[in-house]
């Protein structure tokens, strides 16, 4: 039994489901926001039997029978099924309880094969850790500073001819229902001393790009898409800000870069990773960051990368 942990709006998992059905492999898609409205929890600590009951599908999933887990995008219930009105404190309490139930499920399944293990994902998301590891492995990396010292920030900015970018240390998602994202942006001016000192800034020198690269590593396979980000002025710093669809082409990485991508994925404790790099105008490869649970479905759709097939192959070993 293969367990898919995600939410009902996750299109990426649809690709994995399609491949599982094609191969006629047993699976269950757990849309975590459906706990406890549609998916009941039935954990017996005396008998060590831990089950989920899907009332819509009239099925019981014994977690003891799960052999592998694909971890994607879990969500917590919004509690809309509870008819009585909840105040903010009660809602916070119940959602925290639901989150802990999920954490318990992860622990029950901890010894299974995961793509990727949830705890490894959380550790790998830290860009401070990623960047230090990338340098150790041998990647070219941007000059980088993380500081709330006004003097150090100003010196870095001026040393790089006032041509720097600012970015989040983790992901740019705001973590709420707004969907707002903080993109990587060009730093037009140094903030006031008080603003810098109130919270650290994460700065890098701006790289002169020929294109952006999204590199998917899954097991021993490496797929690379070249994204023509420099054709759109809005996408030149962060290609996700493109006003339209950017051209994508398959790019063959040098073997040495492929091996380093596999190495950092393994060193981060991951089976799958989506690595963002830059191809510079003088044909160097510069490491930016690793997304331990990054999106990939659009690459399979546009370039035919068999990522879902590789994921299912590993899950079914």
C-alpha atoms as a PDB file:
ATOM      1  CA  UNK A   1       0.000   0.000   0.000  1.00  0.00           C
ATOM      2  CA  UNK A   2       1.398   3.373  -1.091  1.00  0.00           C
ATOM      3  CA  UNK A   3       0.168   6.377   0.895  1.00  0.00           C
ATOM      4  CA  UNK A   4       0.025   9.819  -0.734  1.00  0.00           C
ATOM      5  CA  UNK A   5      -0.100  12.639   1.829  1.00  0.00           C
ATOM      6  CA  UNK A   6      -1.382  15.878   0.331  1.00  0.00           C
ATOM      7  CA  UNK A   7      -4.494  18.036  -0.089  1.00  0.00           C
ATOM      8  CA  UNK A   8      -7.432  17.821  -2.472  1.00  0.00           C
ATOM      9  CA  UNK A   9      -6.211  20.746  -4.634  1.00  0.00           C
ATOM     10  CA  UNK A  10      -2.744  19.326  -5.275  1.00  0.00           C
ATOM     11  CA  UNK A  11      -2.538  18.818  -9.042  1.00  0.00           C
ATOM     12  CA  UNK A  12       0.989  17.406  -8.844  1.00  0.00           C
ATOM     13  CA  UNK A  13      -0.194  14.292  -7.015  1.00  0.00           C
ATOM     14  CA  UNK A  14      -2.711  13.723  -9.828  1.00  0.00           C
ATOM     15  CA  UNK A  15       0.227  12.767 -12.052  1.00  0.00           C
ATOM     16  CA  UNK A  16       1.411  10.190  -9.509  1.00  0.00           C
ATOM     17  CA  UNK A  17      -2.137   8.837  -9.146  1.00  0.00           C
ATOM     18  CA  UNK A  18      -2.412   8.442 -12.911  1.00  0.00           C
ATOM     19  CA  UNK A  19       0.818   6.429 -12.998  1.00  0.00           C
ATOM     20  CA  UNK A  20      -0.221   4.289 -10.018  1.00  0.00           C
ATOM     21  CA  UNK A  21      -3.493   3.476 -11.757  1.00  0.00           C
ATOM     22  CA  UNK A  22      -1.693   2.697 -14.998  1.00  0.00           C
ATOM     23  CA  UNK A  23       0.501   0.203 -13.152  1.00  0.00           C
ATOM     24  CA  UNK A  24      -2.482  -1.056 -11.097  1.00  0.00           C
ATOM     25  CA  UNK A  25      -0.654  -0.495  -7.819  1.00  0.00           C
ATOM     26  CA  UNK A  26      -2.558  -0.173  -4.512  1.00  0.00           C
ATOM     27  CA  UNK A  27      -2.556   3.340  -3.058  1.00  0.00           C
ATOM     28  CA  UNK A  28      -4.534   5.697  -0.903  1.00  0.00           C
ATOM     29  CA  UNK A  29      -4.584   9.466  -1.342  1.00  0.00           C
ATOM     30  CA  UNK A  30      -4.921  11.111   2.056  1.00  0.00           C
ATOM     31  CA  UNK A  31      -6.186  14.656   1.660  1.00  0.00           C
ATOM     32  CA  UNK A  32      -5.275  15.693   5.166  1.00  0.00           C
ATOM     33  CA  UNK A  33      -7.752  18.567   5.447  1.00  0.00           C
ATOM     34  CA  UNK A  34     -10.507  15.916   5.326  1.00  0.00           C
ATOM     35  CA  UNK A  35      -9.484  14.686   8.801  1.00  0.00           C
ATOM     36  CA  UNK A  36     -11.761  14.499  10.792  1.00  0.00           C
ATOM     37  CA  UNK A  37     -14.813  15.408   8.658  1.00  0.00           C
ATOM     38  CA  UNK A  38     -14.590  12.758   5.916  1.00  0.00           C
ATOM     39  CA  UNK A  39     -11.663  10.690   7.137  1.00  0.00           C
ATOM     40  CA  UNK A  40     -12.099   9.310  10.645  1.00  0.00           C
ATOM     41  CA  UNK A  41      -9.194   8.404  12.909  1.00  0.00           C
ATOM     42  CA  UNK A  42      -9.343   5.016  14.660  1.00  0.00           C
ATOM     43  CA  UNK A  43      -6.172   4.449  16.685  1.00  0.00           C
ATOM     44  CA  UNK A  44      -6.119   1.651  19.281  1.00  0.00           C
ATOM     45  CA  UNK A  45      -3.036   1.933  21.463  1.00  0.00           C
ATOM     46  CA  UNK A  46      -3.818  -1.288  23.347  1.00  0.00           C
ATOM     47  CA  UNK A  47      -3.742  -3.462  20.216  1.00  0.00           C
ATOM     48  CA  UNK A  48      -1.352  -1.227  18.251  1.00  0.00           C
ATOM     49  CA  UNK A  49      -3.800  -1.020  15.348  1.00  0.00           C
ATOM     50  CA  UNK A  50      -3.855   2.397  13.714  1.00  0.00           C
ATOM     51  CA  UNK A  51      -6.444   2.928  10.996  1.00  0.00           C
ATOM     52  CA  UNK A  52      -8.039   5.699   8.975  1.00  0.00           C
ATOM     53  CA  UNK A  53     -11.625   5.280   7.774  1.00  0.00           C
ATOM     54  CA  UNK A  54     -12.625   7.060   4.582  1.00  0.00           C
ATOM     55  CA  UNK A  55     -16.394   7.462   4.831  1.00  0.00           C
ATOM     56  CA  UNK A  56     -16.855   8.674   1.258  1.00  0.00           C
ATOM     57  CA  UNK A  57     -14.944   5.744  -0.257  1.00  0.00           C
ATOM     58  CA  UNK A  58     -16.182   3.301   2.383  1.00  0.00           C
ATOM     59  CA  UNK A  59     -12.646   2.039   2.946  1.00  0.00           C
ATOM     60  CA  UNK A  60     -10.327   1.428   5.878  1.00  0.00           C
ATOM     61  CA  UNK A  61      -6.605   2.173   5.623  1.00  0.00           C
ATOM     62  CA  UNK A  62      -4.490   0.234   8.086  1.00  0.00           C
ATOM     63  CA  UNK A  63      -1.325   2.279   8.562  1.00  0.00           C
ATOM     64  CA  UNK A  64       0.459  -0.943   9.489  1.00  0.00           C
ATOM     65  CA  UNK A  65       0.024  -2.087   5.872  1.00  0.00           C
ATOM     66  CA  UNK A  66       1.570   1.034   4.352  1.00  0.00           C
ATOM     67  CA  UNK A  67       4.895   0.249   2.685  1.00  0.00           C
ATOM     68  CA  UNK A  68       5.874   3.675   1.300  1.00  0.00           C
ATOM     69  CA  UNK A  69       4.826   7.310   1.551  1.00  0.00           C
ATOM     70  CA  UNK A  70       4.836  10.186  -0.936  1.00  0.00           C
ATOM     71  CA  UNK A  71       4.718  13.399   1.091  1.00  0.00           C
ATOM     72  CA  UNK A  72       3.482  16.476  -0.743  1.00  0.00           C
ATOM     73  CA  UNK A  73       1.311  19.271   0.591  1.00  0.00           C
ATOM     74  CA  UNK A  74      -0.724  18.486   3.735  1.00  0.00           C
ATOM     75  CA  UNK A  75      -3.299  20.974   5.028  1.00  0.00           C
ATOM     76  CA  UNK A  76      -5.138  21.255   8.301  1.00  0.00           C
ATOM     77  CA  UNK A  77      -8.936  21.215   8.448  1.00  0.00           C
ATOM     78  CA  UNK A  78     -10.676  24.603   8.458  1.00  0.00           C
ATOM     79  CA  UNK A  79     -13.334  23.080  10.779  1.00  0.00           C
ATOM     80  CA  UNK A  80     -16.181  24.294   8.551  1.00  0.00           C
ATOM     81  CA  UNK A  81     -18.030  21.025   9.189  1.00  0.00           C
ATOM     82  CA  UNK A  82     -18.550  21.876  12.864  1.00  0.00           C
ATOM     83  CA  UNK A  83     -21.991  23.441  13.083  1.00  0.00           C
ATOM     84  CA  UNK A  84     -21.555  25.279  16.368  1.00  0.00           C
ATOM     85  CA  UNK A  85     -19.789  28.616  16.116  1.00  0.00           C
ATOM     86  CA  UNK A  86     -16.175  28.517  17.286  1.00  0.00           C
ATOM     87  CA  UNK A  87     -14.323  31.491  18.682  1.00  0.00           C
ATOM     88  CA  UNK A  88     -10.714  32.066  17.638  1.00  0.00           C
ATOM     89  CA  UNK A  89      -9.294  30.353  20.715  1.00  0.00           C
ATOM     90  CA  UNK A  90     -11.383  27.214  20.210  1.00  0.00           C
ATOM     91  CA  UNK A  91     -10.524  27.097  16.510  1.00  0.00           C
ATOM     92  CA  UNK A  92      -6.825  27.466  17.245  1.00  0.00           C
ATOM     93  CA  UNK A  93      -7.007  24.657  19.827  1.00  0.00           C
ATOM     94  CA  UNK A  94      -8.805  22.216  17.510  1.00  0.00           C
ATOM     95  CA  UNK A  95      -6.555  22.942  14.537  1.00  0.00           C
ATOM     96  CA  UNK A  96      -3.523  22.447  16.737  1.00  0.00           C
ATOM     97  CA  UNK A  97      -4.978  19.098  17.826  1.00  0.00           C
ATOM     98  CA  UNK A  98      -5.521  18.134  14.168  1.00  0.00           C
ATOM     99  CA  UNK A  99      -1.916  19.074  13.395  1.00  0.00           C
ATOM    100  CA  UNK A 100      -0.708  16.843  16.216  1.00  0.00           C
ATOM    101  CA  UNK A 101      -2.757  13.934  14.878  1.00  0.00           C
ATOM    102  CA  UNK A 102      -0.941  14.341  11.574  1.00  0.00           C
ATOM    103  CA  UNK A 103       2.395  14.444  13.382  1.00  0.00           C
ATOM    104  CA  UNK A 104       1.403  11.186  15.069  1.00  0.00           C
ATOM    105  CA  UNK A 105       0.660   9.606  11.686  1.00  0.00           C
ATOM    106  CA  UNK A 106       4.100  10.662  10.448  1.00  0.00           C
ATOM    107  CA  UNK A 107       5.706   9.042  13.486  1.00  0.00           C
ATOM    108  CA  UNK A 108       3.735   5.806  13.030  1.00  0.00           C
ATOM    109  CA  UNK A 109       5.025   5.660   9.452  1.00  0.00           C
ATOM    110  CA  UNK A 110       8.539   6.905  10.192  1.00  0.00           C
ATOM    111  CA  UNK A 111      10.249   3.576   9.388  1.00  0.00           C
ATOM    112  CA  UNK A 112       8.639   3.323   5.936  1.00  0.00           C
ATOM    113  CA  UNK A 113      10.194   4.454   2.660  1.00  0.00           C
ATOM    114  CA  UNK A 114       9.418   8.155   2.108  1.00  0.00           C
ATOM    115  CA  UNK A 115       9.727  10.585  -0.791  1.00  0.00           C
ATOM    116  CA  UNK A 116      10.661  12.706   1.077  1.00  0.00           C
ATOM    117  CA  UNK A 117      10.671  12.104   4.806  1.00  0.00           C
ATOM    118  CA  UNK A 118       8.797  15.037   6.370  1.00  0.00           C
ATOM    119  CA  UNK A 119      11.480  15.633   9.002  1.00  0.00           C
ATOM    120  CA  UNK A 120      14.259  15.651   6.400  1.00  0.00           C
ATOM    121  CA  UNK A 121      12.245  18.164   4.356  1.00  0.00           C
ATOM    122  CA  UNK A 122      11.972  20.503   7.325  1.00  0.00           C
ATOM    123  CA  UNK A 123      15.709  20.351   7.972  1.00  0.00           C
ATOM    124  CA  UNK A 124      16.582  20.733   4.278  1.00  0.00           C
ATOM    125  CA  UNK A 125      14.421  23.835   3.763  1.00  0.00           C
ATOM    126  CA  UNK A 126      16.884  26.042   5.617  1.00  0.00           C
ATOM    127  CA  UNK A 127      18.849  28.068   3.041  1.00  0.00           C
ATOM    128  CA  UNK A 128      21.651  28.777   5.498  1.00  0.00           C
ATOM    129  CA  UNK A 129      22.285  25.038   5.787  1.00  0.00           C
ATOM    130  CA  UNK A 130      21.871  24.526   2.030  1.00  0.00           C
ATOM    131  CA  UNK A 131      24.334  27.219   1.047  1.00  0.00           C
ATOM    132  CA  UNK A 132      27.060  26.036   3.415  1.00  0.00           C
ATOM    133  CA  UNK A 133      26.607  22.469   2.172  1.00  0.00           C
ATOM    134  CA  UNK A 134      26.627  23.558  -1.490  1.00  0.00           C
ATOM    135  CA  UNK A 135      29.951  25.352  -1.002  1.00  0.00           C
ATOM    136  CA  UNK A 136      31.386  22.311   0.768  1.00  0.00           C
ATOM    137  CA  UNK A 137      30.354  20.054  -2.140  1.00  0.00           C
ATOM    138  CA  UNK A 138      31.961  22.400  -4.670  1.00  0.00           C
ATOM    139  CA  UNK A 139      29.146  24.403  -6.231  1.00  0.00           C
ATOM    140  CA  UNK A 140      29.759  27.989  -7.283  1.00  0.00           C
ATOM    141  CA  UNK A 141      27.531  30.123  -5.052  1.00  0.00           C
ATOM    142  CA  UNK A 142      26.721  33.856  -4.965  1.00  0.00           C
ATOM    143  CA  UNK A 143      28.459  36.127  -2.475  1.00  0.00           C
ATOM    144  CA  UNK A 144      26.005  36.113   0.417  1.00  0.00           C
ATOM    145  CA  UNK A 145      25.440  37.935   3.681  1.00  0.00           C
ATOM    146  CA  UNK A 146      22.843  37.506   6.403  1.00  0.00           C
ATOM    147  CA  UNK A 147      23.102  40.304   8.932  1.00  0.00           C
ATOM    148  CA  UNK A 148      21.332  43.016  10.855  1.00  0.00           C
ATOM    149  CA  UNK A 149      24.491  45.070  11.213  1.00  0.00           C
ATOM    150  CA  UNK A 150      23.982  48.318   9.310  1.00  0.00           C
ATOM    151  CA  UNK A 151      27.703  48.695   8.662  1.00  0.00           C
ATOM    152  CA  UNK A 152      28.078  45.184   7.248  1.00  0.00           C
ATOM    153  CA  UNK A 153      24.992  45.486   5.036  1.00  0.00           C
ATOM    154  CA  UNK A 154      26.134  48.845   3.654  1.00  0.00           C
ATOM    155  CA  UNK A 155      29.646  47.564   3.034  1.00  0.00           C
ATOM    156  CA  UNK A 156      28.341  44.483   1.173  1.00  0.00           C
ATOM    157  CA  UNK A 157      25.979  46.613  -0.915  1.00  0.00           C
ATOM    158  CA  UNK A 158      28.722  49.037  -1.898  1.00  0.00           C
ATOM    159  CA  UNK A 159      31.332  46.320  -2.484  1.00  0.00           C
ATOM    160  CA  UNK A 160      29.011  44.820  -5.087  1.00  0.00           C
ATOM    161  CA  UNK A 161      28.451  48.154  -6.817  1.00  0.00           C
ATOM    162  CA  UNK A 162      24.981  48.527  -5.301  1.00  0.00           C
ATOM    163  CA  UNK A 163      23.841  45.572  -7.428  1.00  0.00           C
ATOM    164  CA  UNK A 164      22.347  43.078  -4.975  1.00  0.00           C
ATOM    165  CA  UNK A 165      19.239  41.002  -4.504  1.00  0.00           C
ATOM    166  CA  UNK A 166      17.271  40.385  -1.315  1.00  0.00           C
ATOM    167  CA  UNK A 167      15.426  37.136  -0.634  1.00  0.00           C
ATOM    168  CA  UNK A 168      13.752  35.141   2.168  1.00  0.00           C
ATOM    169  CA  UNK A 169      15.846  32.737   4.243  1.00  0.00           C
ATOM    170  CA  UNK A 170      13.207  30.041   3.848  1.00  0.00           C
ATOM    171  CA  UNK A 171      10.323  30.091   1.364  1.00  0.00           C
ATOM    172  CA  UNK A 172       8.542  33.289   0.434  1.00  0.00           C
ATOM    173  CA  UNK A 173       5.063  31.993   1.265  1.00  0.00           C
ATOM    174  CA  UNK A 174       3.217  34.002   3.882  1.00  0.00           C
ATOM    175  CA  UNK A 175       1.765  30.879   5.474  1.00  0.00           C
ATOM    176  CA  UNK A 176      -1.843  32.043   5.392  1.00  0.00           C
ATOM    177  CA  UNK A 177      -4.760  31.778   2.994  1.00  0.00           C
ATOM    178  CA  UNK A 178      -3.838  34.949   1.106  1.00  0.00           C
ATOM    179  CA  UNK A 179      -1.481  33.118  -1.246  1.00  0.00           C
ATOM    180  CA  UNK A 180       0.898  36.088  -1.035  1.00  0.00           C
ATOM    181  CA  UNK A 181       4.535  35.327  -1.852  1.00  0.00           C
ATOM    182  CA  UNK A 182       7.690  37.351  -1.161  1.00  0.00           C
ATOM    183  CA  UNK A 183       9.756  37.074  -4.352  1.00  0.00           C
ATOM    184  CA  UNK A 184      13.493  37.526  -4.757  1.00  0.00           C
ATOM    185  CA  UNK A 185      13.943  41.196  -5.680  1.00  0.00           C
ATOM    186  CA  UNK A 186      16.657  43.666  -6.594  1.00  0.00           C
ATOM    187  CA  UNK A 187      17.654  45.808  -3.631  1.00  0.00           C
ATOM    188  CA  UNK A 188      17.301  49.346  -4.935  1.00  0.00           C
ATOM    189  CA  UNK A 189      18.641  51.042  -1.817  1.00  0.00           C
ATOM    190  CA  UNK A 190      19.882  50.133   1.630  1.00  0.00           C
ATOM    191  CA  UNK A 191      17.119  50.440   4.249  1.00  0.00           C
ATOM    192  CA  UNK A 192      17.465  52.827   7.155  1.00  0.00           C
ATOM    193  CA  UNK A 193      19.724  51.738  10.001  1.00  0.00           C
ATOM    194  CA  UNK A 194      16.792  51.117  12.313  1.00  0.00           C
ATOM    195  CA  UNK A 195      15.094  48.826   9.779  1.00  0.00           C
ATOM    196  CA  UNK A 196      18.246  46.780   9.233  1.00  0.00           C
ATOM    197  CA  UNK A 197      18.941  46.418  12.923  1.00  0.00           C
ATOM    198  CA  UNK A 198      15.371  45.381  13.697  1.00  0.00           C
ATOM    199  CA  UNK A 199      15.690  42.179  11.630  1.00  0.00           C
ATOM    200  CA  UNK A 200      18.480  40.464   9.606  1.00  0.00           C
ATOM    201  CA  UNK A 201      18.611  40.919   5.817  1.00  0.00           C
ATOM    202  CA  UNK A 202      19.596  38.092   3.457  1.00  0.00           C
ATOM    203  CA  UNK A 203      21.493  39.583   0.511  1.00  0.00           C
ATOM    204  CA  UNK A 204      23.404  38.211  -2.461  1.00  0.00           C
ATOM    205  CA  UNK A 205      25.226  39.808  -5.349  1.00  0.00           C
ATOM    206  CA  UNK A 206      23.118  39.824  -8.516  1.00  0.00           C
ATOM    207  CA  UNK A 207      24.265  37.227 -11.057  1.00  0.00           C
ATOM    208  CA  UNK A 208      24.358  38.105 -14.750  1.00  0.00           C
ATOM    209  CA  UNK A 209      22.125  35.345 -16.094  1.00  0.00           C
ATOM    210  CA  UNK A 210      21.918  33.679 -19.474  1.00  0.00           C
ATOM    211  CA  UNK A 211      18.980  31.627 -18.153  1.00  0.00           C
ATOM    212  CA  UNK A 212      17.524  30.017 -15.043  1.00  0.00           C
ATOM    213  CA  UNK A 213      17.715  26.267 -14.500  1.00  0.00           C
ATOM    214  CA  UNK A 214      15.303  24.037 -12.601  1.00  0.00           C
ATOM    215  CA  UNK A 215      16.974  20.704 -11.887  1.00  0.00           C
ATOM    216  CA  UNK A 216      14.940  17.766 -10.625  1.00  0.00           C
ATOM    217  CA  UNK A 217      16.850  14.974  -8.906  1.00  0.00           C
ATOM    218  CA  UNK A 218      14.909  11.798  -8.173  1.00  0.00           C
ATOM    219  CA  UNK A 219      16.993   8.874  -6.966  1.00  0.00           C
ATOM    220  CA  UNK A 220      19.843   8.534  -9.455  1.00  0.00           C
ATOM    221  CA  UNK A 221      18.055  10.417 -12.235  1.00  0.00           C
ATOM    222  CA  UNK A 222      18.622  14.102 -12.993  1.00  0.00           C
ATOM    223  CA  UNK A 223      16.429  16.231 -15.279  1.00  0.00           C
ATOM    224  CA  UNK A 224      17.185  19.854 -16.100  1.00  0.00           C
ATOM    225  CA  UNK A 225      14.928  22.512 -17.640  1.00  0.00           C
ATOM    226  CA  UNK A 226      16.374  25.736 -19.009  1.00  0.00           C
ATOM    227  CA  UNK A 227      13.976  28.611 -18.398  1.00  0.00           C
ATOM    228  CA  UNK A 228      14.420  31.621 -20.687  1.00  0.00           C
ATOM    229  CA  UNK A 229      13.889  34.121 -17.879  1.00  0.00           C
ATOM    230  CA  UNK A 230      15.864  36.957 -19.436  1.00  0.00           C
ATOM    231  CA  UNK A 231      13.330  37.496 -22.237  1.00  0.00           C
ATOM    232  CA  UNK A 232      10.859  39.073 -19.778  1.00  0.00           C
ATOM    233  CA  UNK A 233      11.972  42.062 -17.703  1.00  0.00           C
ATOM    234  CA  UNK A 234       9.673  41.029 -14.857  1.00  0.00           C
ATOM    235  CA  UNK A 235      11.258  37.558 -14.694  1.00  0.00           C
ATOM    236  CA  UNK A 236      14.917  38.489 -14.868  1.00  0.00           C
ATOM    237  CA  UNK A 237      15.483  38.449 -11.102  1.00  0.00           C
ATOM    238  CA  UNK A 238      12.854  35.856 -10.149  1.00  0.00           C
ATOM    239  CA  UNK A 239      11.427  33.852 -13.064  1.00  0.00           C
ATOM    240  CA  UNK A 240       8.217  33.123 -11.140  1.00  0.00           C
ATOM    241  CA  UNK A 241       7.167  36.751 -11.728  1.00  0.00           C
ATOM    242  CA  UNK A 242       6.906  36.293 -15.492  1.00  0.00           C
ATOM    243  CA  UNK A 243       3.939  38.047 -17.128  1.00  0.00           C
ATOM    244  CA  UNK A 244       3.420  35.176 -19.528  1.00  0.00           C
ATOM    245  CA  UNK A 245       4.724  31.694 -20.240  1.00  0.00           C
ATOM    246  CA  UNK A 246       8.492  31.536 -20.505  1.00  0.00           C
ATOM    247  CA  UNK A 247      10.123  29.225 -23.018  1.00  0.00           C
ATOM    248  CA  UNK A 248      11.405  25.968 -21.485  1.00  0.00           C
ATOM    249  CA  UNK A 249      13.871  23.574 -23.079  1.00  0.00           C
ATOM    250  CA  UNK A 250      15.664  20.487 -21.853  1.00  0.00           C
ATOM    251  CA  UNK A 251      19.250  21.260 -20.867  1.00  0.00           C
ATOM    252  CA  UNK A 252      21.985  18.651 -20.565  1.00  0.00           C
ATOM    253  CA  UNK A 253      24.097  19.375 -17.509  1.00  0.00           C
ATOM    254  CA  UNK A 254      27.795  18.540 -17.338  1.00  0.00           C
ATOM    255  CA  UNK A 255      28.305  15.217 -15.555  1.00  0.00           C
ATOM    256  CA  UNK A 256      30.153  16.982 -12.724  1.00  0.00           C
ATOM    257  CA  UNK A 257      27.142  19.236 -12.021  1.00  0.00           C
ATOM    258  CA  UNK A 258      24.760  16.258 -12.185  1.00  0.00           C
ATOM    259  CA  UNK A 259      26.876  14.431  -9.617  1.00  0.00           C
ATOM    260  CA  UNK A 260      26.932  17.465  -7.311  1.00  0.00           C
ATOM    261  CA  UNK A 261      23.130  17.742  -7.578  1.00  0.00           C
ATOM    262  CA  UNK A 262      22.794  14.100  -6.555  1.00  0.00           C
ATOM    263  CA  UNK A 263      25.313  14.625  -3.763  1.00  0.00           C
ATOM    264  CA  UNK A 264      23.560  17.591  -2.166  1.00  0.00           C
ATOM    265  CA  UNK A 265      20.214  15.799  -2.419  1.00  0.00           C
ATOM    266  CA  UNK A 266      21.634  12.807  -0.553  1.00  0.00           C
ATOM    267  CA  UNK A 267      23.509  14.946   1.969  1.00  0.00           C
ATOM    268  CA  UNK A 268      20.224  16.713   2.789  1.00  0.00           C
ATOM    269  CA  UNK A 269      18.640  13.311   3.464  1.00  0.00           C
ATOM    270  CA  UNK A 270      16.354  13.543   0.438  1.00  0.00           C
ATOM    271  CA  UNK A 271      15.314  11.214  -2.382  1.00  0.00           C
ATOM    272  CA  UNK A 272      13.775  14.016  -4.450  1.00  0.00           C
ATOM    273  CA  UNK A 273      14.835  17.633  -4.828  1.00  0.00           C
ATOM    274  CA  UNK A 274      14.195  20.586  -7.139  1.00  0.00           C
ATOM    275  CA  UNK A 275      17.345  22.675  -7.368  1.00  0.00           C
ATOM    276  CA  UNK A 276      17.400  26.224  -8.706  1.00  0.00           C
ATOM    277  CA  UNK A 277      20.579  27.274 -10.471  1.00  0.00           C
ATOM    278  CA  UNK A 278      21.706  29.972 -12.871  1.00  0.00           C
ATOM    279  CA  UNK A 279      23.530  29.504 -16.139  1.00  0.00           C
ATOM    280  CA  UNK A 280      25.690  32.611 -16.385  1.00  0.00           C
ATOM    281  CA  UNK A 281      26.576  34.501 -19.526  1.00  0.00           C
ATOM    282  CA  UNK A 282      30.064  32.958 -19.395  1.00  0.00           C
ATOM    283  CA  UNK A 283      28.636  29.405 -19.063  1.00  0.00           C
ATOM    284  CA  UNK A 284      29.167  28.876 -15.348  1.00  0.00           C
ATOM    285  CA  UNK A 285      26.624  27.082 -13.171  1.00  0.00           C
ATOM    286  CA  UNK A 286      25.725  28.930  -9.971  1.00  0.00           C
ATOM    287  CA  UNK A 287      23.780  27.233  -7.177  1.00  0.00           C
ATOM    288  CA  UNK A 288      20.926  29.294  -5.712  1.00  0.00           C
ATOM    289  CA  UNK A 289      18.859  26.963  -3.546  1.00  0.00           C
ATOM    290  CA  UNK A 290      17.311  23.536  -3.154  1.00  0.00           C
ATOM    291  CA  UNK A 291      13.560  23.026  -2.872  1.00  0.00           C
ATOM    292  CA  UNK A 292      13.159  19.722  -1.002  1.00  0.00           C
ATOM    293  CA  UNK A 293       9.480  19.484  -1.941  1.00  0.00           C
ATOM    294  CA  UNK A 294       9.413  21.712  -5.023  1.00  0.00           C
ATOM    295  CA  UNK A 295       6.882  21.560  -7.839  1.00  0.00           C
ATOM    296  CA  UNK A 296       7.608  19.421 -10.902  1.00  0.00           C
ATOM    297  CA  UNK A 297       4.333  18.602 -12.702  1.00  0.00           C
ATOM    298  CA  UNK A 298       4.667  21.463 -15.185  1.00  0.00           C
ATOM    299  CA  UNK A 299       8.034  20.077 -16.305  1.00  0.00           C
ATOM    300  CA  UNK A 300       6.541  16.668 -16.986  1.00  0.00           C
ATOM    301  CA  UNK A 301       3.693  18.308 -18.891  1.00  0.00           C
ATOM    302  CA  UNK A 302       5.835  20.662 -20.968  1.00  0.00           C
ATOM    303  CA  UNK A 303       9.052  18.709 -21.487  1.00  0.00           C
ATOM    304  CA  UNK A 304       7.972  15.121 -21.024  1.00  0.00           C
ATOM    305  CA  UNK A 305      10.283  14.414 -18.087  1.00  0.00           C
ATOM    306  CA  UNK A 306       9.104  11.043 -16.667  1.00  0.00           C
ATOM    307  CA  UNK A 307       9.180  12.260 -13.064  1.00  0.00           C
ATOM    308  CA  UNK A 308       5.923  10.619 -11.933  1.00  0.00           C
ATOM    309  CA  UNK A 309       7.102   7.310 -13.387  1.00  0.00           C
ATOM    310  CA  UNK A 310      10.371   7.560 -11.446  1.00  0.00           C
ATOM    311  CA  UNK A 311       8.556   8.455  -8.228  1.00  0.00           C
ATOM    312  CA  UNK A 312       6.208   5.484  -8.563  1.00  0.00           C
ATOM    313  CA  UNK A 313       9.112   3.175  -9.414  1.00  0.00           C
ATOM    314  CA  UNK A 314      10.870   4.098  -6.178  1.00  0.00           C
ATOM    315  CA  UNK A 315       7.683   3.931  -4.101  1.00  0.00           C
ATOM    316  CA  UNK A 316       6.922   0.432  -5.379  1.00  0.00           C
ATOM    317  CA  UNK A 317      10.357  -1.155  -4.859  1.00  0.00           C
END
